[in-house]
């Protein structure tokens, strides 16, 4: 996975996701365990990737969609959660998206503590939380950029 670019001057490096993936976080967690953790103490990455849902179709959920996300791998700091949530708020503001960040939300299969979501007028717009390898979030761009 080649890298390049930076993200809102927040020390997050771009990771190119080469194909359609159901879950980019899982891909990056695996990459952290196999390679990146042997090269550095922590790694802040961002991505924009085409994704697909491998669960049952539901109203308002696109089967294929574009996802913007960040992952801060290798971190255990108490401040990292505030940092990634603050960055999420900044990105939403830059996109002109109005949404409430709600903490204490039960998230998916690999999260190790209650996560957070962004709730907008038409449902959840973004979500994230801490997992064994780090902390991150993702925004479904099709949801926030579609009127």
C-alpha atoms as a PDB file:
ATOM      1  CA  UNK A   1       0.000   0.000   0.000  1.00  0.00           C
ATOM      2  CA  UNK A   2       1.782   3.135  -1.133  1.00  0.00           C
ATOM      3  CA  UNK A   3       1.504   6.265   0.981  1.00  0.00           C
ATOM      4  CA  UNK A   4       1.442   9.960   0.240  1.00  0.00           C
ATOM      5  CA  UNK A   5      -0.094  13.243   1.301  1.00  0.00           C
ATOM      6  CA  UNK A   6      -1.142  14.534   4.699  1.00  0.00           C
ATOM      7  CA  UNK A   7      -4.500  15.204   6.287  1.00  0.00           C
ATOM      8  CA  UNK A   8      -5.502  18.623   7.619  1.00  0.00           C
ATOM      9  CA  UNK A   9      -2.030  19.153   9.091  1.00  0.00           C
ATOM     10  CA  UNK A  10      -2.838  16.548  11.749  1.00  0.00           C
ATOM     11  CA  UNK A  11       0.098  14.210  11.078  1.00  0.00           C
ATOM     12  CA  UNK A  12      -2.058  11.537   9.448  1.00  0.00           C
ATOM     13  CA  UNK A  13      -0.466   9.948   6.362  1.00  0.00           C
ATOM     14  CA  UNK A  14      -2.528   8.753   3.415  1.00  0.00           C
ATOM     15  CA  UNK A  15      -2.914   5.025   2.813  1.00  0.00           C
ATOM     16  CA  UNK A  16      -4.059   3.940  -0.637  1.00  0.00           C
ATOM     17  CA  UNK A  17      -6.632   1.135  -0.442  1.00  0.00           C
ATOM     18  CA  UNK A  18      -6.221  -0.716  -3.746  1.00  0.00           C
ATOM     19  CA  UNK A  19      -9.605  -2.399  -4.200  1.00  0.00           C
ATOM     20  CA  UNK A  20     -13.193  -2.635  -2.991  1.00  0.00           C
ATOM     21  CA  UNK A  21     -13.238  -3.624   0.721  1.00  0.00           C
ATOM     22  CA  UNK A  22     -16.043  -4.415   3.155  1.00  0.00           C
ATOM     23  CA  UNK A  23     -14.108  -3.103   6.161  1.00  0.00           C
ATOM     24  CA  UNK A  24     -11.030  -0.921   5.789  1.00  0.00           C
ATOM     25  CA  UNK A  25     -10.372  -0.843   9.547  1.00  0.00           C
ATOM     26  CA  UNK A  26      -9.860  -4.620   9.572  1.00  0.00           C
ATOM     27  CA  UNK A  27      -7.443  -4.343   6.639  1.00  0.00           C
ATOM     28  CA  UNK A  28      -5.405  -1.637   8.409  1.00  0.00           C
ATOM     29  CA  UNK A  29      -5.460  -3.466  11.757  1.00  0.00           C
ATOM     30  CA  UNK A  30      -3.976  -6.517  10.028  1.00  0.00           C
ATOM     31  CA  UNK A  31      -1.358  -4.377   8.295  1.00  0.00           C
ATOM     32  CA  UNK A  32      -0.445  -2.865  11.693  1.00  0.00           C
ATOM     33  CA  UNK A  33       0.012  -6.272  13.330  1.00  0.00           C
ATOM     34  CA  UNK A  34       1.989  -7.760  10.430  1.00  0.00           C
ATOM     35  CA  UNK A  35       4.213  -4.874   9.324  1.00  0.00           C
ATOM     36  CA  UNK A  36       3.800  -1.342  10.599  1.00  0.00           C
ATOM     37  CA  UNK A  37       4.061  -2.151  14.342  1.00  0.00           C
ATOM     38  CA  UNK A  38       7.542  -3.554  13.708  1.00  0.00           C
ATOM     39  CA  UNK A  39       8.615  -0.288  12.067  1.00  0.00           C
ATOM     40  CA  UNK A  40       7.223   2.398  14.406  1.00  0.00           C
ATOM     41  CA  UNK A  41       5.549   3.003  17.782  1.00  0.00           C
ATOM     42  CA  UNK A  42       2.358   4.476  16.359  1.00  0.00           C
ATOM     43  CA  UNK A  43       0.986   5.301  12.944  1.00  0.00           C
ATOM     44  CA  UNK A  44      -1.686   7.824  11.994  1.00  0.00           C
ATOM     45  CA  UNK A  45      -3.308   7.094   8.649  1.00  0.00           C
ATOM     46  CA  UNK A  46      -6.267   8.318   6.640  1.00  0.00           C
ATOM     47  CA  UNK A  47      -7.966   6.850   3.609  1.00  0.00           C
ATOM     48  CA  UNK A  48     -10.714   7.382   1.093  1.00  0.00           C
ATOM     49  CA  UNK A  49     -11.883   4.021  -0.200  1.00  0.00           C
ATOM     50  CA  UNK A  50     -14.685   2.376  -2.110  1.00  0.00           C
ATOM     51  CA  UNK A  51     -16.368  -0.110   0.212  1.00  0.00           C
ATOM     52  CA  UNK A  52     -19.237  -2.555   0.090  1.00  0.00           C
ATOM     53  CA  UNK A  53     -21.589  -3.936   2.699  1.00  0.00           C
ATOM     54  CA  UNK A  54     -21.444  -7.648   3.326  1.00  0.00           C
ATOM     55  CA  UNK A  55     -24.554  -7.620   5.524  1.00  0.00           C
ATOM     56  CA  UNK A  56     -28.246  -7.778   4.638  1.00  0.00           C
ATOM     57  CA  UNK A  57     -29.573  -4.795   2.634  1.00  0.00           C
ATOM     58  CA  UNK A  58     -31.431  -2.115   4.622  1.00  0.00           C
ATOM     59  CA  UNK A  59     -33.280   1.016   3.620  1.00  0.00           C
ATOM     60  CA  UNK A  60     -30.992   4.049   3.496  1.00  0.00           C
ATOM     61  CA  UNK A  61     -27.781   2.026   3.376  1.00  0.00           C
ATOM     62  CA  UNK A  62     -25.842   1.899   0.127  1.00  0.00           C
ATOM     63  CA  UNK A  63     -24.488  -1.526  -0.896  1.00  0.00           C
ATOM     64  CA  UNK A  64     -21.411   0.157  -2.341  1.00  0.00           C
ATOM     65  CA  UNK A  65     -20.187   3.467  -0.951  1.00  0.00           C
ATOM     66  CA  UNK A  66     -17.198   5.751  -0.484  1.00  0.00           C
ATOM     67  CA  UNK A  67     -15.723   5.943   2.985  1.00  0.00           C
ATOM     68  CA  UNK A  68     -13.362   8.526   4.477  1.00  0.00           C
ATOM     69  CA  UNK A  69     -11.646   7.365   7.624  1.00  0.00           C
ATOM     70  CA  UNK A  70      -8.735   7.748   9.979  1.00  0.00           C
ATOM     71  CA  UNK A  71      -6.972   5.184  12.113  1.00  0.00           C
ATOM     72  CA  UNK A  72      -4.441   5.972  14.830  1.00  0.00           C
ATOM     73  CA  UNK A  73      -2.684   2.659  15.282  1.00  0.00           C
ATOM     74  CA  UNK A  74      -0.494   1.723  18.227  1.00  0.00           C
ATOM     75  CA  UNK A  75      -1.879   4.329  20.595  1.00  0.00           C
ATOM     76  CA  UNK A  76      -3.057   3.774  24.155  1.00  0.00           C
ATOM     77  CA  UNK A  77      -3.152   7.412  25.238  1.00  0.00           C
ATOM     78  CA  UNK A  78      -6.181   8.870  26.986  1.00  0.00           C
ATOM     79  CA  UNK A  79      -5.796  11.990  24.846  1.00  0.00           C
ATOM     80  CA  UNK A  80      -6.060  10.076  21.551  1.00  0.00           C
ATOM     81  CA  UNK A  81      -9.850   9.753  21.817  1.00  0.00           C
ATOM     82  CA  UNK A  82     -10.235  13.524  22.204  1.00  0.00           C
ATOM     83  CA  UNK A  83      -7.843  14.062  19.295  1.00  0.00           C
ATOM     84  CA  UNK A  84      -9.689  11.784  16.857  1.00  0.00           C
ATOM     85  CA  UNK A  85     -13.133  13.098  17.870  1.00  0.00           C
ATOM     86  CA  UNK A  86     -11.882  16.668  17.456  1.00  0.00           C
ATOM     87  CA  UNK A  87     -10.574  15.784  13.997  1.00  0.00           C
ATOM     88  CA  UNK A  88     -13.924  14.190  13.124  1.00  0.00           C
ATOM     89  CA  UNK A  89     -15.706  17.411  14.124  1.00  0.00           C
ATOM     90  CA  UNK A  90     -13.285  19.439  11.982  1.00  0.00           C
ATOM     91  CA  UNK A  91     -13.865  17.236   8.939  1.00  0.00           C
ATOM     92  CA  UNK A  92     -17.649  17.426   9.344  1.00  0.00           C
ATOM     93  CA  UNK A  93     -17.434  21.214   9.660  1.00  0.00           C
ATOM     94  CA  UNK A  94     -15.265  21.407   6.509  1.00  0.00           C
ATOM     95  CA  UNK A  95     -17.844  19.294   4.652  1.00  0.00           C
ATOM     96  CA  UNK A  96     -20.646  21.537   5.944  1.00  0.00           C
ATOM     97  CA  UNK A  97     -22.300  18.617   7.723  1.00  0.00           C
ATOM     98  CA  UNK A  98     -24.413  19.265  10.795  1.00  0.00           C
ATOM     99  CA  UNK A  99     -24.472  16.330  13.165  1.00  0.00           C
ATOM    100  CA  UNK A 100     -24.299  15.550  16.843  1.00  0.00           C
ATOM    101  CA  UNK A 101     -21.384  13.451  18.102  1.00  0.00           C
ATOM    102  CA  UNK A 102     -22.816  10.955  20.575  1.00  0.00           C
ATOM    103  CA  UNK A 103     -20.454   9.059  22.902  1.00  0.00           C
ATOM    104  CA  UNK A 104     -20.992   5.800  24.788  1.00  0.00           C
ATOM    105  CA  UNK A 105     -22.403   3.912  21.799  1.00  0.00           C
ATOM    106  CA  UNK A 106     -22.078   0.124  21.527  1.00  0.00           C
ATOM    107  CA  UNK A 107     -20.206  -0.531  18.288  1.00  0.00           C
ATOM    108  CA  UNK A 108     -19.213  -3.538  16.192  1.00  0.00           C
ATOM    109  CA  UNK A 109     -17.362  -6.745  16.783  1.00  0.00           C
ATOM    110  CA  UNK A 110     -13.809  -5.545  17.380  1.00  0.00           C
ATOM    111  CA  UNK A 111     -14.278  -2.457  19.570  1.00  0.00           C
ATOM    112  CA  UNK A 112     -12.921  -2.739  23.107  1.00  0.00           C
ATOM    113  CA  UNK A 113     -14.950   0.079  24.701  1.00  0.00           C
ATOM    114  CA  UNK A 114     -18.103   2.039  23.887  1.00  0.00           C
ATOM    115  CA  UNK A 115     -17.592   4.105  20.760  1.00  0.00           C
ATOM    116  CA  UNK A 116     -19.110   7.216  19.231  1.00  0.00           C
ATOM    117  CA  UNK A 117     -21.393   8.115  16.331  1.00  0.00           C
ATOM    118  CA  UNK A 118     -22.414  11.218  14.451  1.00  0.00           C
ATOM    119  CA  UNK A 119     -26.171  11.438  14.185  1.00  0.00           C
ATOM    120  CA  UNK A 120     -27.726  13.682  11.585  1.00  0.00           C
ATOM    121  CA  UNK A 121     -31.254  14.356  10.429  1.00  0.00           C
ATOM    122  CA  UNK A 122     -31.210  11.248   8.202  1.00  0.00           C
ATOM    123  CA  UNK A 123     -29.486   8.773  10.533  1.00  0.00           C
ATOM    124  CA  UNK A 124     -25.903   7.924  11.426  1.00  0.00           C
ATOM    125  CA  UNK A 125     -23.294   9.704   9.332  1.00  0.00           C
ATOM    126  CA  UNK A 126     -20.079   8.501  10.951  1.00  0.00           C
ATOM    127  CA  UNK A 127     -18.914   6.145  13.672  1.00  0.00           C
ATOM    128  CA  UNK A 128     -15.784   5.057  15.438  1.00  0.00           C
ATOM    129  CA  UNK A 129     -14.107   3.873  18.586  1.00  0.00           C
ATOM    130  CA  UNK A 130     -11.169   2.081  20.170  1.00  0.00           C
ATOM    131  CA  UNK A 131     -10.023  -1.409  19.206  1.00  0.00           C
ATOM    132  CA  UNK A 132      -7.018  -3.472  20.326  1.00  0.00           C
ATOM    133  CA  UNK A 133      -4.645  -1.880  17.805  1.00  0.00           C
ATOM    134  CA  UNK A 134      -5.738   1.756  18.127  1.00  0.00           C
ATOM    135  CA  UNK A 135      -8.663   4.101  17.585  1.00  0.00           C
ATOM    136  CA  UNK A 136     -10.397   5.513  14.523  1.00  0.00           C
ATOM    137  CA  UNK A 137     -13.551   6.585  12.743  1.00  0.00           C
ATOM    138  CA  UNK A 138     -15.144   6.521   9.303  1.00  0.00           C
ATOM    139  CA  UNK A 139     -17.648   8.689   7.454  1.00  0.00           C
ATOM    140  CA  UNK A 140     -19.895   7.325   4.722  1.00  0.00           C
ATOM    141  CA  UNK A 141     -19.326  10.116   2.187  1.00  0.00           C
ATOM    142  CA  UNK A 142     -22.327   9.089   0.099  1.00  0.00           C
ATOM    143  CA  UNK A 143     -24.536   9.826   3.103  1.00  0.00           C
ATOM    144  CA  UNK A 144     -23.110  13.216   3.926  1.00  0.00           C
ATOM    145  CA  UNK A 145     -22.704  14.494   0.369  1.00  0.00           C
ATOM    146  CA  UNK A 146     -26.037  13.255  -1.031  1.00  0.00           C
ATOM    147  CA  UNK A 147     -28.934  15.704  -0.570  1.00  0.00           C
END
